[in-house]
N, C-alpha and C. Protein backbone atom coordinates (compact mmCIF):
# COMPACT_ATOMS: atom_id res chain seq x y z
N TYR A 1 13.04 -1.50 -3.05
CA TYR A 1 11.85 -1.06 -3.63
C TYR A 1 10.86 -2.04 -3.13
N ILE A 2 9.56 -1.85 -3.75
CA ILE A 2 8.61 -2.63 -3.62
C ILE A 2 8.38 -3.35 -5.02
N SER A 3 8.29 -4.72 -4.87
CA SER A 3 7.85 -5.56 -6.01
C SER A 3 6.32 -5.59 -5.83
N ALA A 4 5.18 -5.40 -6.23
CA ALA A 4 3.63 -5.68 -6.30
C ALA A 4 3.49 -6.50 -7.44
N LYS A 5 3.31 -7.85 -6.98
CA LYS A 5 2.95 -9.13 -8.15
C LYS A 5 1.46 -9.26 -8.05
N TYR A 6 0.76 -9.35 -8.96
CA TYR A 6 -0.47 -9.86 -8.87
C TYR A 6 -1.19 -10.33 -9.93
N LYS A 7 -2.36 -11.13 -10.05
CA LYS A 7 -3.15 -11.61 -10.98
C LYS A 7 -4.17 -10.53 -11.03
N ASP A 8 -4.53 -10.12 -12.60
CA ASP A 8 -5.83 -9.33 -12.40
C ASP A 8 -6.00 -9.08 -13.95
N LYS A 9 -7.11 -8.39 -14.01
CA LYS A 9 -7.54 -7.85 -15.45
C LYS A 9 -6.74 -7.00 -15.94
N ASP A 10 -6.53 -6.12 -15.26
CA ASP A 10 -5.82 -5.17 -15.64
C ASP A 10 -4.73 -4.42 -14.68
N TRP A 11 -3.87 -3.28 -15.00
CA TRP A 11 -2.80 -2.85 -14.18
C TRP A 11 -3.55 -2.14 -12.96
N ARG A 12 -3.19 -2.09 -11.85
CA ARG A 12 -3.60 -1.26 -10.85
C ARG A 12 -2.91 0.17 -11.03
N SER A 13 -2.02 0.17 -11.36
CA SER A 13 -1.12 1.47 -11.77
C SER A 13 -1.15 2.60 -10.18
N TYR A 14 -0.39 2.11 -9.69
CA TYR A 14 -0.31 2.62 -8.14
C TYR A 14 0.35 4.07 -8.31
N LYS A 15 -0.28 5.21 -7.90
CA LYS A 15 0.26 6.45 -8.39
C LYS A 15 0.70 7.52 -6.90
N SER A 16 0.54 7.01 -5.93
CA SER A 16 0.57 7.81 -4.59
C SER A 16 0.52 6.74 -3.56
N ALA A 17 1.38 7.33 -2.21
CA ALA A 17 1.70 6.10 -0.83
C ALA A 17 1.48 7.26 0.17
N VAL A 18 0.83 6.94 1.06
CA VAL A 18 0.62 7.48 2.44
C VAL A 18 0.80 6.74 3.79
N ASN A 19 1.14 7.40 4.71
CA ASN A 19 1.43 6.66 6.21
C ASN A 19 0.07 6.08 6.65
N ALA A 20 0.17 5.41 7.68
CA ALA A 20 -0.87 4.81 8.37
C ALA A 20 -2.34 5.57 8.67
N GLN A 21 -1.46 7.24 9.02
CA GLN A 21 -2.73 7.84 9.65
C GLN A 21 -3.12 8.89 8.39
N GLY A 22 -2.46 8.49 7.17
CA GLY A 22 -3.02 9.04 6.00
C GLY A 22 -2.81 10.62 6.03
N ASN A 23 -1.89 11.06 6.83
CA ASN A 23 -1.58 12.63 6.83
C ASN A 23 -0.46 12.75 6.11
N VAL A 24 0.46 11.89 5.77
CA VAL A 24 1.65 12.39 5.33
C VAL A 24 1.60 11.29 3.83
N LYS A 25 1.89 12.25 2.85
CA LYS A 25 1.81 11.81 1.39
C LYS A 25 3.37 11.10 1.20
N LEU A 26 3.82 10.29 1.07
CA LEU A 26 5.23 9.72 0.77
C LEU A 26 5.53 9.68 -0.94
N PRO A 27 6.66 9.92 -1.15
CA PRO A 27 6.80 10.22 -2.73
C PRO A 27 7.08 8.55 -3.37
N LEU A 28 6.25 8.12 -4.36
CA LEU A 28 6.22 6.91 -5.03
C LEU A 28 6.93 7.01 -6.51
N THR A 29 7.89 6.42 -6.82
CA THR A 29 8.21 6.40 -8.11
C THR A 29 8.05 5.08 -9.06
N LEU A 30 7.45 5.13 -9.99
CA LEU A 30 7.57 3.89 -10.80
C LEU A 30 8.54 3.38 -11.57
N LEU A 31 9.05 2.24 -10.99
CA LEU A 31 10.38 1.60 -11.73
C LEU A 31 10.25 1.37 -12.88
N SER A 32 9.52 -0.19 -13.08
CA SER A 32 8.72 -0.91 -14.32
C SER A 32 7.83 -1.12 -14.15
N LYS A 33 7.22 -1.70 -15.24
CA LYS A 33 6.24 -2.37 -15.36
C LYS A 33 6.15 -3.58 -16.23
N THR A 34 5.70 -5.03 -15.67
CA THR A 34 5.86 -6.33 -16.94
C THR A 34 4.67 -6.96 -16.42
N ASN A 35 4.08 -7.61 -17.57
CA ASN A 35 3.19 -8.64 -17.51
C ASN A 35 3.35 -9.72 -18.26
N LYS A 36 3.09 -10.94 -17.56
CA LYS A 36 3.25 -12.38 -18.22
C LYS A 36 2.33 -13.06 -18.21
N ASN A 37 2.23 -14.52 -18.80
CA ASN A 37 1.50 -15.37 -18.47
C ASN A 37 -0.16 -14.45 -18.48
N CYS A 38 -0.46 -14.12 -19.78
CA CYS A 38 -1.75 -13.85 -19.69
C CYS A 38 -2.45 -15.13 -20.46
N SER A 39 -3.90 -15.21 -19.87
CA SER A 39 -4.80 -16.16 -20.16
C SER A 39 -5.72 -14.95 -21.14
N GLU A 40 -7.23 -15.72 -21.25
CA GLU A 40 -7.97 -14.87 -22.05
C GLU A 40 -8.53 -13.64 -21.20
N GLU A 41 -8.56 -13.58 -19.95
CA GLU A 41 -8.81 -12.36 -19.19
C GLU A 41 -7.81 -11.89 -18.01
N ILE A 42 -7.14 -12.96 -17.40
CA ILE A 42 -6.24 -12.47 -16.46
C ILE A 42 -4.89 -12.38 -17.17
N CYS A 43 -4.18 -11.47 -16.37
CA CYS A 43 -2.57 -11.71 -16.94
C CYS A 43 -2.02 -11.27 -15.51
N GLN A 44 -0.75 -12.09 -15.29
CA GLN A 44 -0.03 -11.94 -14.14
C GLN A 44 1.23 -10.45 -14.25
N TYR A 45 0.55 -9.78 -13.47
CA TYR A 45 1.47 -8.34 -13.74
C TYR A 45 2.26 -7.97 -12.42
N GLU A 46 3.33 -7.42 -12.68
CA GLU A 46 4.36 -6.80 -11.69
C GLU A 46 4.67 -5.47 -11.72
N GLU A 47 4.29 -4.66 -10.60
CA GLU A 47 4.98 -3.45 -10.86
C GLU A 47 5.85 -2.90 -9.66
N LYS A 48 7.27 -2.40 -10.28
CA LYS A 48 8.09 -2.29 -9.31
C LYS A 48 8.04 -0.63 -8.73
N LEU A 49 8.03 -0.57 -7.54
CA LEU A 49 7.98 0.88 -7.17
C LEU A 49 8.77 1.34 -6.06
N ALA A 50 9.42 2.88 -6.19
CA ALA A 50 10.54 2.91 -4.82
C ALA A 50 9.72 4.28 -4.21
N ILE A 51 9.76 3.60 -2.82
CA ILE A 51 9.27 4.92 -2.00
C ILE A 51 10.56 5.33 -0.96
N PRO A 52 11.26 6.49 -1.69
CA PRO A 52 12.42 6.89 -0.69
C PRO A 52 11.89 7.11 0.79
N LEU A 53 12.62 6.66 1.81
CA LEU A 53 12.13 7.44 2.95
C LEU A 53 13.51 7.86 3.70
N SER A 54 13.29 8.93 4.70
CA SER A 54 14.34 9.47 5.29
C SER A 54 14.86 8.76 6.46
N PHE A 55 15.85 8.89 7.00
CA PHE A 55 16.55 8.32 7.72
C PHE A 55 15.66 8.09 9.43
N LEU A 56 14.81 9.13 9.39
CA LEU A 56 13.96 9.37 10.67
C LEU A 56 12.77 8.15 10.50
N TYR A 57 12.46 7.72 9.07
CA TYR A 57 11.61 6.73 9.41
C TYR A 57 12.33 5.14 9.80
N PHE A 58 13.51 5.06 9.51
CA PHE A 58 14.20 4.00 9.95
C PHE A 58 14.07 3.93 11.51
N PHE A 59 14.33 4.95 12.36
CA PHE A 59 14.35 4.81 13.48
C PHE A 59 12.91 5.14 14.21
N ASP A 60 12.03 5.70 13.73
CA ASP A 60 10.68 5.35 14.20
C ASP A 60 10.20 3.95 13.74
N GLY A 61 10.68 3.54 12.58
CA GLY A 61 10.20 2.04 12.38
C GLY A 61 10.93 1.05 12.92
N SER A 62 12.08 1.35 13.50
CA SER A 62 12.65 0.45 14.53
C SER A 62 11.89 0.19 15.74
N VAL A 63 10.97 0.91 15.82
CA VAL A 63 9.82 1.09 17.66
C VAL A 63 8.83 0.58 16.68
N SER A 64 8.07 0.77 16.08
CA SER A 64 6.59 0.39 15.64
C SER A 64 6.51 -0.12 14.54
N GLY A 65 7.61 -0.25 13.70
CA GLY A 65 7.38 -0.64 12.30
C GLY A 65 6.78 0.35 11.39
N LEU A 66 6.81 -0.14 9.92
CA LEU A 66 5.98 1.14 8.90
C LEU A 66 4.85 0.42 8.42
N ASP A 67 3.95 0.82 8.41
CA ASP A 67 2.48 0.70 7.63
C ASP A 67 1.94 2.09 6.68
N ILE A 68 2.22 1.36 5.82
CA ILE A 68 1.82 2.46 4.39
C ILE A 68 0.58 1.77 3.34
N THR A 69 0.15 2.84 2.96
CA THR A 69 -0.89 2.25 1.55
C THR A 69 -0.63 2.83 0.52
N ILE A 70 -0.37 1.86 -0.52
CA ILE A 70 -0.49 2.80 -1.98
C ILE A 70 -1.50 2.43 -2.50
N HIS A 71 -1.93 3.73 -3.50
CA HIS A 71 -3.22 3.94 -4.21
C HIS A 71 -3.09 3.91 -5.60
N GLY A 72 -3.77 3.35 -6.15
CA GLY A 72 -3.78 3.30 -7.82
C GLY A 72 -5.28 3.01 -8.24
N ILE A 73 -5.38 2.02 -9.10
CA ILE A 73 -6.70 1.40 -9.41
C ILE A 73 -7.44 0.84 -8.23
N ARG A 74 -6.66 0.19 -7.44
CA ARG A 74 -7.00 0.01 -6.38
C ARG A 74 -6.10 0.09 -4.83
N SER A 75 -6.45 -0.15 -3.90
CA SER A 75 -5.23 0.48 -2.54
C SER A 75 -5.05 -0.85 -1.97
N ASP A 76 -3.43 -0.81 -1.57
CA ASP A 76 -3.00 -1.89 -0.99
C ASP A 76 -2.18 -1.63 0.31
N GLN A 77 -2.41 -2.36 1.36
CA GLN A 77 -1.73 -1.84 2.59
C GLN A 77 -0.39 -2.71 2.69
N ILE A 78 0.86 -1.89 3.07
CA ILE A 78 2.33 -2.88 3.08
C ILE A 78 2.66 -2.41 4.69
N ILE A 79 2.98 -3.45 5.43
CA ILE A 79 3.19 -3.66 6.72
C ILE A 79 4.68 -4.02 6.80
N ILE A 80 5.57 -3.21 7.30
CA ILE A 80 7.06 -3.61 7.41
C ILE A 80 7.27 -3.40 8.83
N PRO A 81 7.33 -4.96 9.79
CA PRO A 81 7.69 -5.05 10.95
C PRO A 81 9.01 -4.34 11.67
N ALA A 82 8.96 -3.97 12.84
CA ALA A 82 9.74 -3.18 13.67
C ALA A 82 11.35 -3.79 13.37
N ALA A 83 11.00 -5.31 13.75
CA ALA A 83 12.37 -6.07 13.53
C ALA A 83 13.34 -5.79 12.26
N TYR A 84 12.50 -5.54 11.02
CA TYR A 84 13.22 -5.26 9.80
C TYR A 84 14.04 -4.04 9.92
N PHE A 85 13.61 -2.90 10.70
CA PHE A 85 14.29 -1.80 10.43
C PHE A 85 15.41 -2.04 11.84
N LYS A 86 15.13 -2.70 12.45
CA LYS A 86 16.13 -2.86 13.57
C LYS A 86 17.38 -3.79 12.97
N ALA A 87 17.19 -4.60 12.44
CA ALA A 87 18.16 -5.19 11.74
C ALA A 87 19.08 -4.54 11.00
N MET A 88 18.18 -3.44 10.00
CA MET A 88 19.13 -2.74 8.93
C MET A 88 19.84 -1.54 10.06
N LEU A 89 19.31 -1.22 10.89
CA LEU A 89 20.32 -0.28 11.93
C LEU A 89 21.26 -0.86 12.63
N ASN A 90 21.14 -2.21 12.72
CA ASN A 90 22.39 -2.73 13.42
C ASN A 90 23.24 -3.28 12.37
N SER A 91 23.06 -3.15 11.28
CA SER A 91 23.99 -3.66 10.19
C SER A 91 25.10 -2.56 10.07
N ILE A 92 24.82 -1.35 10.29
CA ILE A 92 25.41 -0.04 10.39
C ILE A 92 26.64 -0.23 11.20
N PRO A 93 27.78 -0.32 10.74
CA PRO A 93 29.07 -0.41 11.41
C PRO A 93 29.28 0.73 12.13
N ALA A 94 29.43 0.15 13.47
CA ALA A 94 30.07 1.35 14.09
C ALA A 94 31.43 2.09 14.05
N GLU A 95 31.57 3.11 14.32
CA GLU A 95 33.16 4.01 13.91
C GLU A 95 33.63 4.03 14.99
């Protein structure tokens, strides 16, 4: 899952995710929302999000990484390097 932590005046309320080319909408599920340490105008927010990925994304990700953008009140880019996916694939035991 993704843990989006930020300081802001309000929730970003992420609702959707797309791949780098913007042509594939990825499923996004909100797991939880918490806020802490509020001052007069700024709070520390955390939104936990899940984006289920098919196994094909792991193979593609092991070559070029994964670049997605999550959208809500504002948009943020998430880049996961190819080395992360390679390590995950290498951890699968050979039968």
